[in-house]
C-alpha atoms as a PDB file:
ATOM      1  CA  MET A   1    -102.076  60.289  51.589  1.00  0.00           C
ATOM      2  CA  ARG A   2    -102.706  60.562  48.014  1.00  0.00           C
ATOM      3  CA  PRO A   3    -106.044  62.380  46.859  1.00  0.00           C
ATOM      4  CA  ALA A   4    -108.639  60.352  45.704  1.00  0.00           C
ATOM      5  CA  GLU A   5    -109.594  60.447  42.093  1.00  0.00           C
ATOM      6  CA  THR A   6    -112.636  62.524  42.689  1.00  0.00           C
ATOM      7  CA  GLU A   7    -110.499  65.407  44.237  1.00  0.00           C
ATOM      8  CA  LEU A   8    -108.889  65.605  40.803  1.00  0.00           C
ATOM      9  CA  TYR A   9    -112.147  66.438  38.895  1.00  0.00           C
ATOM     10  CA  ALA A  10    -112.925  69.941  40.338  1.00  0.00           C
ATOM     11  CA  PRO A  11    -109.473  71.501  39.345  1.00  0.00           C
ATOM     12  CA  VAL A  12    -109.497  69.651  35.710  1.00  0.00           C
ATOM     13  CA  LYS A  13    -112.954  71.304  35.115  1.00  0.00           C
ATOM     14  CA  ARG A  14    -111.902  74.547  36.455  1.00  0.00           C
ATOM     15  CA  PHE A  15    -109.218  73.982  33.975  1.00  0.00           C
ATOM     16  CA  LEU A  16    -111.042  72.829  31.216  1.00  0.00           C
ATOM     17  CA  GLU A  17    -113.869  75.352  31.229  1.00  0.00           C
ATOM     18  CA  GLY A  18    -110.941  77.880  31.421  1.00  0.00           C
ATOM     19  CA  LEU A  19    -110.399  76.942  27.682  1.00  0.00           C
ATOM     20  CA  GLY A  20    -113.711  77.248  26.580  1.00  0.00           C
ATOM     21  CA  PHE A  21    -114.909  73.946  27.144  1.00  0.00           C
ATOM     22  CA  ALA A  22    -118.000  72.523  28.440  1.00  0.00           C
ATOM     23  CA  VAL A  23    -117.343  70.010  31.035  1.00  0.00           C
ATOM     24  CA  LYS A  24    -119.373  66.847  32.599  1.00  0.00           C
ATOM     25  CA  GLY A  25    -117.973  63.878  34.637  1.00  0.00           C
ATOM     26  CA  GLU A  26    -118.163  60.215  34.183  1.00  0.00           C
ATOM     27  CA  VAL A  27    -119.655  60.494  30.610  1.00  0.00           C
ATOM     28  CA  GLY A  28    -119.890  56.802  28.817  1.00  0.00           C
ATOM     29  CA  HIS A  29    -116.565  55.536  30.286  1.00  0.00           C
ATOM     30  CA  CYS A  30    -114.750  58.688  30.124  1.00  0.00           C
ATOM     31  CA  ASP A  31    -113.904  60.003  33.577  1.00  0.00           C
ATOM     32  CA  VAL A  32    -114.159  63.516  32.399  1.00  0.00           C
ATOM     33  CA  LEU A  33    -115.363  64.592  28.895  1.00  0.00           C
ATOM     34  CA  ALA A  34    -115.299  68.270  27.635  1.00  0.00           C
ATOM     35  CA  VAL A  35    -116.893  69.704  24.648  1.00  0.00           C
ATOM     36  CA  ARG A  36    -116.076  72.506  22.590  1.00  0.00           C
ATOM     37  CA  ALA A  37    -117.884  73.219  19.405  1.00  0.00           C
ATOM     38  CA  ASP A  38    -117.562  70.050  17.812  1.00  0.00           C
ATOM     39  CA  GLU A  39    -114.295  68.867  19.720  1.00  0.00           C
ATOM     40  CA  ALA A  40    -114.417  66.253  22.488  1.00  0.00           C
ATOM     41  CA  VAL A  41    -111.776  65.784  24.382  1.00  0.00           C
ATOM     42  CA  ALA A  42    -111.452  62.942  27.609  1.00  0.00           C
ATOM     43  CA  VAL A  43    -109.456  63.061  30.615  1.00  0.00           C
ATOM     44  CA  GLU A  44    -108.927  59.816  32.624  1.00  0.00           C
ATOM     45  CA  LEU A  45    -107.955  60.649  36.454  1.00  0.00           C
ATOM     46  CA  LYS A  46    -106.302  58.102  38.365  1.00  0.00           C
ATOM     47  CA  ALA A  47    -104.414  58.233  41.677  1.00  0.00           C
ATOM     48  CA  GLU A  48    -101.087  57.375  40.347  1.00  0.00           C
ATOM     49  CA  PHE A  49     -99.161  57.388  37.079  1.00  0.00           C
ATOM     50  CA  GLY A  50     -99.277  53.567  35.687  1.00  0.00           C
ATOM     51  CA  LEU A  51     -99.968  51.381  32.734  1.00  0.00           C
ATOM     52  CA  LYS A  52    -103.514  50.787  33.291  1.00  0.00           C
ATOM     53  CA  LEU A  53    -104.193  54.816  33.427  1.00  0.00           C
ATOM     54  CA  VAL A  54    -101.906  54.390  29.773  1.00  0.00           C
ATOM     55  CA  TYR A  55    -104.134  51.448  28.500  1.00  0.00           C
ATOM     56  CA  GLN A  56    -107.379  53.495  29.422  1.00  0.00           C
ATOM     57  CA  GLY A  57    -105.940  56.509  27.814  1.00  0.00           C
ATOM     58  CA  ILE A  58    -105.535  54.535  24.353  1.00  0.00           C
ATOM     59  CA  GLU A  59    -109.115  52.999  24.585  1.00  0.00           C
ATOM     60  CA  ARG A  60    -110.498  56.781  24.837  1.00  0.00           C
ATOM     61  CA  GLN A  61    -108.567  58.029  21.692  1.00  0.00           C
ATOM     62  CA  ALA A  62    -110.906  55.787  19.799  1.00  0.00           C
ATOM     63  CA  VAL A  63    -113.910  58.037  20.705  1.00  0.00           C
ATOM     64  CA  ALA A  64    -112.476  61.328  21.331  1.00  0.00           C
ATOM     65  CA  ASP A  65    -110.352  64.180  19.683  1.00  0.00           C
ATOM     66  CA  LEU A  66    -107.953  64.608  22.283  1.00  0.00           C
ATOM     67  CA  VAL A  67    -107.076  62.592  25.325  1.00  0.00           C
ATOM     68  CA  TRP A  68    -105.255  63.750  29.075  1.00  0.00           C
ATOM     69  CA  LEU A  69    -104.287  61.504  31.854  1.00  0.00           C
ATOM     70  CA  CYS A  70    -104.259  63.229  35.071  1.00  0.00           C
ATOM     71  CA  VAL A  71    -102.936  62.138  38.444  1.00  0.00           C
ATOM     72  CA  PRO A  72    -102.017  64.061  41.644  1.00  0.00           C
ATOM     73  CA  GLU A  73     -98.752  65.264  42.727  1.00  0.00           C
ATOM     74  CA  PRO A  74     -97.606  63.381  46.207  1.00  0.00           C
ATOM     75  CA  PRO A  75     -97.701  66.213  48.921  1.00  0.00           C
ATOM     76  CA  ALA A  76     -94.890  64.881  50.932  1.00  0.00           C
ATOM     77  CA  ALA A  77     -91.883  66.824  50.016  1.00  0.00           C
ATOM     78  CA  ARG A  78     -89.987  63.218  49.674  1.00  0.00           C
ATOM     79  CA  ALA A  79     -92.607  61.589  47.927  1.00  0.00           C
ATOM     80  CA  HIS A  80     -93.038  64.650  45.494  1.00  0.00           C
ATOM     81  CA  ALA A  81     -88.958  64.594  44.870  1.00  0.00           C
ATOM     82  CA  ALA A  82     -88.976  61.126  43.837  1.00  0.00           C
ATOM     83  CA  TRP A  83     -92.337  61.700  41.321  1.00  0.00           C
ATOM     84  CA  THR A  84     -90.609  64.657  39.760  1.00  0.00           C
ATOM     85  CA  ARG A  85     -87.443  62.587  38.929  1.00  0.00           C
ATOM     86  CA  ARG A  86     -89.798  59.964  36.998  1.00  0.00           C
ATOM     87  CA  LEU A  87     -91.797  62.389  35.412  1.00  0.00           C
ATOM     88  CA  GLY A  88     -89.725  62.725  32.287  1.00  0.00           C
ATOM     89  CA  ASP A  89     -90.198  59.162  31.384  1.00  0.00           C
ATOM     90  CA  ALA A  90     -93.842  59.569  32.216  1.00  0.00           C
ATOM     91  CA  VAL A  91     -94.068  62.171  29.729  1.00  0.00           C
ATOM     92  CA  ARG A  92     -91.902  60.739  26.672  1.00  0.00           C
ATOM     93  CA  LEU A  93     -94.509  57.722  27.061  1.00  0.00           C
ATOM     94  CA  CYS A  94     -97.531  59.854  26.487  1.00  0.00           C
ATOM     95  CA  ARG A  95     -95.867  62.101  23.924  1.00  0.00           C
ATOM     96  CA  MET A  96     -94.901  58.608  22.220  1.00  0.00           C
ATOM     97  CA  LEU A  97     -98.503  57.655  22.260  1.00  0.00           C
ATOM     98  CA  GLY A  98    -100.234  60.960  21.375  1.00  0.00           C
ATOM     99  CA  LEU A  99    -101.533  61.284  25.012  1.00  0.00           C
ATOM    100  CA  GLY A 100    -101.382  64.412  27.134  1.00  0.00           C
ATOM    101  CA  LEU A 101    -100.600  64.579  30.866  1.00  0.00           C
ATOM    102  CA  MET A 102    -101.484  66.654  33.699  1.00  0.00           C
ATOM    103  CA  SER A 103    -101.238  66.671  37.191  1.00  0.00           C
ATOM    104  CA  VAL A 104    -102.910  68.394  40.443  1.00  0.00           C
ATOM    105  CA  ARG A 105    -101.499  69.785  43.502  1.00  0.00           C
ATOM    106  CA  ARG A 106    -103.016  71.984  45.911  1.00  0.00           C
ATOM    107  CA  GLY A 107    -106.197  72.295  43.896  1.00  0.00           C
ATOM    108  CA  ARG A 108    -104.017  73.637  40.821  1.00  0.00           C
ATOM    109  CA  VAL A 109    -103.443  72.004  37.115  1.00  0.00           C
ATOM    110  CA  ALA A 110    -100.006  71.562  35.679  1.00  0.00           C
ATOM    111  CA  VAL A 111     -99.606  70.502  32.126  1.00  0.00           C
ATOM    112  CA  HIS A 112     -96.520  68.585  31.280  1.00  0.00           C
ATOM    113  CA  ALA A 113     -97.200  67.005  27.642  1.00  0.00           C
ATOM    114  CA  ASP A 114     -99.705  68.073  25.153  1.00  0.00           C
ATOM    115  CA  PRO A 115    -101.836  65.658  23.343  1.00  0.00           C
ATOM    116  CA  GLY A 116    -100.916  65.219  19.844  1.00  0.00           C
ATOM    117  CA  PRO A 117     -98.769  63.569  17.028  1.00  0.00           C
ATOM    118  CA  TYR A 118     -95.615  62.285  18.095  1.00  0.00           C
ATOM    119  CA  ARG A 119     -92.802  64.079  16.793  1.00  0.00           C
ATOM    120  CA  PRO A 120     -89.531  62.411  17.885  1.00  0.00           C
ATOM    121  CA  ARG A 121     -86.491  65.153  17.742  1.00  0.00           C
ATOM    122  CA  ARG A 122     -83.530  63.279  15.999  1.00  0.00           C
ATOM    123  CA  ASP A 123     -80.324  62.788  17.732  1.00  0.00           C
ATOM    124  CA  ARG A 124     -77.911  62.764  15.121  1.00  0.00           C
ATOM    125  CA  VAL A 125     -75.167  62.479  17.310  1.00  0.00           C
ATOM    126  CA  GLY A 126     -76.090  59.743  19.007  1.00  0.00           C
ATOM    127  CA  ARG A 127     -76.984  57.824  16.081  1.00  0.00           C
ATOM    128  CA  VAL A 128     -73.318  58.704  14.488  1.00  0.00           C
ATOM    129  CA  LYS A 129     -72.192  57.176  18.036  1.00  0.00           C
ATOM    130  CA  LEU A 130     -74.098  54.081  17.617  1.00  0.00           C
ATOM    131  CA  LEU A 131     -73.278  53.168  14.351  1.00  0.00           C
ATOM    132  CA  ALA A 132     -69.592  53.763  14.862  1.00  0.00           C
ATOM    133  CA  GLU A 133     -69.836  51.503  18.241  1.00  0.00           C
ATOM    134  CA  PHE A 134     -71.357  48.756  16.010  1.00  0.00           C
ATOM    135  CA  ALA A 135     -69.091  48.854  13.158  1.00  0.00           C
ATOM    136  CA  ALA A 136     -66.208  49.141  15.687  1.00  0.00           C
ATOM    137  CA  ARG A 137     -67.169  45.882  17.471  1.00  0.00           C
ATOM    138  CA  ALA A 138     -65.346  42.839  16.028  1.00  0.00           C
ATOM    139  CA  GLY A 139     -67.578  40.468  17.294  1.00  0.00           C
ATOM    140  CA  ASP A 140     -71.130  39.949  19.178  1.00  0.00           C
ATOM    141  CA  HIS A 141     -70.170  38.841  22.755  1.00  0.00           C
ATOM    142  CA  THR A 142     -72.924  39.813  24.449  1.00  0.00           C
ATOM    143  CA  PRO A 143     -76.588  38.554  24.518  1.00  0.00           C
ATOM    144  CA  GLY A 144     -78.944  41.248  24.189  1.00  0.00           C
ATOM    145  CA  GLY A 145     -80.918  42.012  27.785  1.00  0.00           C
ATOM    146  CA  SER A 146     -77.723  41.220  29.846  1.00  0.00           C
ATOM    147  CA  THR A 147     -77.666  42.816  33.264  1.00  0.00           C
ATOM    148  CA  ARG A 148     -74.858  41.346  35.324  1.00  0.00           C
ATOM    149  CA  ARG A 149     -72.060  40.880  32.945  1.00  0.00           C
ATOM    150  CA  PRO A 150     -69.874  43.320  31.608  1.00  0.00           C
ATOM    151  CA  ILE A 151     -70.620  44.638  28.085  1.00  0.00           C
ATOM    152  CA  VAL A 152     -67.956  43.685  25.554  1.00  0.00           C
ATOM    153  CA  THR A 153     -67.793  47.159  23.868  1.00  0.00           C
ATOM    154  CA  ALA A 154     -65.456  47.965  21.068  1.00  0.00           C
ATOM    155  CA  TYR A 155     -63.165  49.677  23.684  1.00  0.00           C
ATOM    156  CA  ARG A 156     -63.162  46.574  26.036  1.00  0.00           C
ATOM    157  CA  GLU A 157     -61.841  44.514  22.812  1.00  0.00           C
ATOM    158  CA  ASP A 158     -59.440  46.914  22.110  1.00  0.00           C
ATOM    159  CA  ALA A 159     -57.879  46.727  25.735  1.00  0.00           C
ATOM    160  CA  LEU A 160     -58.168  42.870  25.703  1.00  0.00           C
ATOM    161  CA  ARG A 161     -56.119  43.218  22.606  1.00  0.00           C
ATOM    162  CA  CYS A 162     -53.548  45.400  24.399  1.00  0.00           C
ATOM    163  CA  ALA A 163     -53.464  42.786  27.351  1.00  0.00           C
ATOM    164  CA  ARG A 164     -52.548  40.118  25.196  1.00  0.00           C
ATOM    165  CA  ALA A 165     -49.689  42.110  23.989  1.00  0.00           C
ATOM    166  CA  LEU A 166     -48.675  42.420  27.048  1.00  0.00           C
ATOM    167  CA  ALA A 167     -49.167  38.958  28.379  1.00  0.00           C
ATOM    168  CA  ASP A 168     -45.213  37.822  28.306  1.00  0.00           C
ATOM    169  CA  GLY A 169     -44.117  40.933  29.824  1.00  0.00           C
ATOM    170  CA  PRO A 170     -43.692  44.814  29.515  1.00  0.00           C
ATOM    171  CA  LEU A 171     -43.658  46.585  26.592  1.00  0.00           C
ATOM    172  CA  ALA A 172     -42.870  49.849  24.940  1.00  0.00           C
ATOM    173  CA  VAL A 173     -46.441  51.671  23.865  1.00  0.00           C
ATOM    174  CA  ALA A 174     -45.269  51.731  20.350  1.00  0.00           C
ATOM    175  CA  ALA A 175     -44.785  47.938  20.450  1.00  0.00           C
ATOM    176  CA  VAL A 176     -48.151  47.579  22.042  1.00  0.00           C
ATOM    177  CA  ARG A 177     -49.656  49.559  19.641  1.00  0.00           C
ATOM    178  CA  ARG A 178     -48.228  47.347  16.900  1.00  0.00           C
ATOM    179  CA  MET A 179     -48.596  44.124  18.119  1.00  0.00           C
ATOM    180  CA  ALA A 180     -51.943  44.791  19.159  1.00  0.00           C
ATOM    181  CA  GLU A 181     -53.060  46.421  16.143  1.00  0.00           C
ATOM    182  CA  VAL A 182     -54.810  48.856  18.213  1.00  0.00           C
ATOM    183  CA  ASP A 183     -54.405  52.588  17.156  1.00  0.00           C
ATOM    184  CA  ARG A 184     -55.646  54.187  20.330  1.00  0.00           C
ATOM    185  CA  ALA A 185     -53.468  51.655  22.638  1.00  0.00           C
ATOM    186  CA  GLY A 186     -51.669  54.609  24.304  1.00  0.00           C
ATOM    187  CA  ALA A 187     -54.571  55.951  25.261  1.00  0.00           C
ATOM    188  CA  ILE A 188     -56.136  52.898  26.643  1.00  0.00           C
ATOM    189  CA  LEU A 189     -52.839  52.065  28.832  1.00  0.00           C
ATOM    190  CA  LEU A 190     -52.996  55.266  30.160  1.00  0.00           C
ATOM    191  CA  ARG A 191     -56.390  55.653  31.091  1.00  0.00           C
ATOM    192  CA  ASN A 192     -56.295  51.721  32.534  1.00  0.00           C
ATOM    193  CA  VAL A 193     -59.952  51.966  32.781  1.00  0.00           C
ATOM    194  CA  TYR A 194     -60.443  48.589  33.689  1.00  0.00           C
ATOM    195  CA  GLY A 195     -57.089  48.394  36.191  1.00  0.00           C
ATOM    196  CA  TRP A 196     -55.534  46.029  33.967  1.00  0.00           C
ATOM    197  CA  PHE A 197     -52.290  47.703  33.201  1.00  0.00           C
ATOM    198  CA  ALA A 198     -49.464  49.264  35.477  1.00  0.00           C
ATOM    199  CA  ARG A 199     -46.595  51.911  34.350  1.00  0.00           C
ATOM    200  CA  GLU A 200     -43.414  50.241  34.818  1.00  0.00           C
ATOM    201  CA  GLY A 201     -41.548  53.595  33.474  1.00  0.00           C
ATOM    202  CA  ARG A 202     -41.912  56.215  30.835  1.00  0.00           C
ATOM    203  CA  GLY A 203     -44.083  54.966  28.021  1.00  0.00           C
ATOM    204  CA  ARG A 204     -43.823  51.721  29.200  1.00  0.00           C
ATOM    205  CA  TYR A 205     -46.828  49.241  30.368  1.00  0.00           C
ATOM    206  CA  ALA A 206     -47.001  45.535  32.009  1.00  0.00           C
ATOM    207  CA  LEU A 207     -50.199  43.543  32.689  1.00  0.00           C
ATOM    208  CA  THR A 208     -51.493  43.444  36.229  1.00  0.00           C
ATOM    209  CA  PRO A 209     -53.016  40.324  37.882  1.00  0.00           C
ATOM    210  CA  ASP A 210     -56.291  41.545  36.847  1.00  0.00           C
ATOM    211  CA  GLY A 211     -55.045  41.956  33.302  1.00  0.00           C
ATOM    212  CA  HIS A 212     -54.091  38.311  33.361  1.00  0.00           C
ATOM    213  CA  ALA A 213     -57.230  37.522  34.974  1.00  0.00           C
ATOM    214  CA  ALA A 214     -59.363  39.139  32.162  1.00  0.00           C
ATOM    215  CA  LEU A 215     -57.338  37.355  29.545  1.00  0.00           C
ATOM    216  CA  GLU A 216     -58.676  34.190  30.788  1.00  0.00           C
ATOM    217  CA  ARG A 217     -62.452  35.221  31.599  1.00  0.00           C
ATOM    218  CA  PHE A 218     -62.358  36.973  27.899  1.00  0.00           C
ATOM    219  CA  ALA A 219     -60.501  34.293  26.095  1.00  0.00           C
ATOM    220  CA  HIS A 220     -63.622  33.140  23.932  1.00  0.00           C
ATOM    221  CA  VAL A 221     -63.507  37.375  22.758  1.00  0.00           C
ATOM    222  CA  LEU A 222     -59.998  37.040  21.850  1.00  0.00           C
ATOM    223  CA  ALA A 223     -60.216  33.749  20.203  1.00  0.00           C
ATOM    224  CA  GLU A 224     -62.626  35.341  17.825  1.00  0.00           C
END
């Protein structure tokens, strides 16, 4: 059973008092209000992390200098393991919104994110890969939001071109590369990610039944 919100108050109060704040509960709409000199810090308490708690934190940002969200950690081992797996997403969301995040377990406060301006760390390698994939795709064959259909990536487009080259019978890798106009044809045939290709001999490949089926299924891709 999760602790009640009121059970979070005493550990949070001790934590903030340890930082030099004077702390009182239920001041205005704030579950916890801590004051140190001219600095006002609000803490919102909830039995579990969710959008309602996030919305309350955003509202408190209008009246407090800093805002923390606080939730209890599940006591049961299995539930706690699941909570830990989801914690990273909660931390990222709080940081993007400038909210702090803390949790309470066995009367102790753990800090997971400090409140403050969001400064995302740029993923330059990821950006290069993203733009390279965009540029490499010949068409736009997968509507955004698709979840139950194969995504037509640049790799799948190239594999389909290789499959089309093999539609009339086995060929050497060099011939597939030339007919499909795919420089990485050799790697695609060798890896055989989709199960479309069968090795007939040294450097020679044929199309499998799954490959023929793919040519029919993705005919619209090749038509463009």
